[in-house]
Protein backbone atom coordinates (compact mmCIF):
# COMPACT_ATOMS: atom_id res chain seq x y z
CA UNK A 1 16.28 4.60 -5.58
CA UNK A 2 14.44 3.39 -8.65
CA UNK A 3 11.27 1.37 -8.21
CA UNK A 4 12.14 -2.34 -8.29
CA UNK A 5 10.65 -4.00 -11.36
CA UNK A 6 8.31 -6.86 -10.51
CA UNK A 7 7.88 -5.89 -6.85
CA UNK A 8 4.40 -4.44 -6.40
CA UNK A 9 4.69 -4.38 -2.59
CA UNK A 10 3.31 -0.84 -2.50
CA UNK A 11 0.29 -2.12 -4.46
CA UNK A 12 -0.40 -4.82 -1.87
CA UNK A 13 0.73 -4.02 1.68
CA UNK A 14 -0.75 -0.58 2.41
CA UNK A 15 -4.39 0.38 2.54
CA UNK A 16 -5.49 2.93 -0.05
CA UNK A 17 -8.54 5.01 0.81
CA UNK A 18 -8.87 6.87 -2.48
CA UNK A 19 -10.77 5.37 -5.42
CA UNK A 20 -8.88 3.11 -7.81
CA UNK A 21 -10.33 2.12 -11.20
CA UNK A 22 -12.21 -1.10 -10.42
CA UNK A 23 -12.01 -0.44 -6.66
CA UNK A 24 -14.17 2.64 -6.01
CA UNK A 25 -13.71 2.38 -2.22
CA UNK A 26 -9.96 1.87 -2.35
CA UNK A 27 -8.40 -1.28 -0.90
CA UNK A 28 -7.62 -2.82 2.44
CA UNK A 29 -4.09 -3.40 3.71
CA UNK A 30 -2.72 -6.70 2.42
CA UNK A 31 -5.20 -6.81 -0.46
CA UNK A 32 -3.56 -6.66 -3.90
CA UNK A 33 -4.78 -3.77 -6.03
CA UNK A 34 -7.03 -4.90 -8.87
CA UNK A 35 -4.66 -3.03 -11.23
CA UNK A 36 -1.66 -5.15 -10.16
CA UNK A 37 -0.72 -7.48 -13.01
CA UNK A 38 0.56 -11.05 -12.62
CA UNK A 39 4.14 -9.83 -13.06
CA UNK A 40 3.62 -7.29 -10.21
CA UNK A 41 3.49 -4.27 -12.52
CA UNK A 42 0.73 -1.65 -12.43
CA UNK A 43 -1.74 -1.78 -15.32
CA UNK A 44 -2.43 1.97 -15.02
CA UNK A 45 1.12 3.20 -14.34
CA UNK A 46 1.70 6.52 -16.08
CA UNK A 47 -1.97 7.07 -16.93
CA UNK A 48 -4.31 9.78 -15.62
CA UNK A 49 -6.44 7.07 -13.95
CA UNK A 50 -3.65 6.20 -11.52
CA UNK A 51 -4.52 7.56 -8.04
CA UNK A 52 -2.45 10.48 -6.76
CA UNK A 53 -1.39 8.48 -3.70
CA UNK A 54 0.23 5.93 -6.03
CA UNK A 55 1.74 8.49 -8.39
CA UNK A 56 3.24 10.41 -5.45
CA UNK A 57 4.80 7.36 -3.78
CA UNK A 58 8.59 7.39 -4.01
CA UNK A 59 10.63 4.21 -3.68
CA UNK A 60 13.16 4.56 -0.85
CA UNK A 61 15.69 2.01 0.45
CA UNK A 62 14.35 2.24 4.01
CA UNK A 63 10.82 1.45 2.78
CA UNK A 64 11.51 -0.99 -0.05
CA UNK A 65 14.34 -2.97 1.54
CA UNK A 66 16.37 -5.36 -0.59
CA UNK A 67 13.53 -7.39 -2.12
CA UNK A 68 9.74 -7.73 -2.41
CA UNK A 69 9.36 -9.75 0.81
CA UNK A 70 11.30 -7.16 2.80
CA UNK A 71 9.23 -4.37 1.26
CA UNK A 72 5.98 -6.17 2.17
CA UNK A 73 7.20 -6.59 5.77
CA UNK A 74 8.29 -2.95 6.12
CA UNK A 75 5.14 -1.53 4.52
CA UNK A 76 2.94 -3.83 6.63
CA UNK A 77 4.73 -2.69 9.79
CA UNK A 78 4.24 0.96 8.80
CA UNK A 79 0.57 0.31 8.03
CA UNK A 80 0.04 -1.23 11.48
CA UNK A 81 2.07 1.46 13.25
CA UNK A 82 0.04 4.28 11.72
CA UNK A 83 -3.42 2.74 11.98
CA UNK A 84 -5.73 4.94 14.06
CA UNK A 85 -6.72 3.40 17.37
CA UNK A 86 -10.28 3.11 18.56
CA UNK A 87 -10.21 5.10 21.79
CA UNK A 88 -13.68 3.99 22.84
CA UNK A 89 -12.48 0.39 23.12
CA UNK A 90 -9.53 1.56 25.25
CA UNK A 91 -11.87 3.40 27.62
CA UNK A 92 -13.96 0.27 28.15
CA UNK A 93 -10.90 -1.91 28.67
CA UNK A 94 -9.11 0.31 31.21
CA UNK A 95 -11.93 1.69 33.35
């Protein structure tokens, strides 16, 4: 699958822990990347400044869905499903 022009879901939905130009601590899930332009294109696409995590992302039908909204929903679900749990809060709750 080719990346959908004007989508930018992968620049918004997931958290990114590596530094991004203008965001030295990365970004939180649901927060648009500072490099995301108004037309949902990446300002640093194809440049050496683009983080490896972004450059290595591959658009796939099962991740990107049929449109931007679907992609946001799928990526948000995956973000939540893979978030580490705080086991100390579980111990307090179930003792």
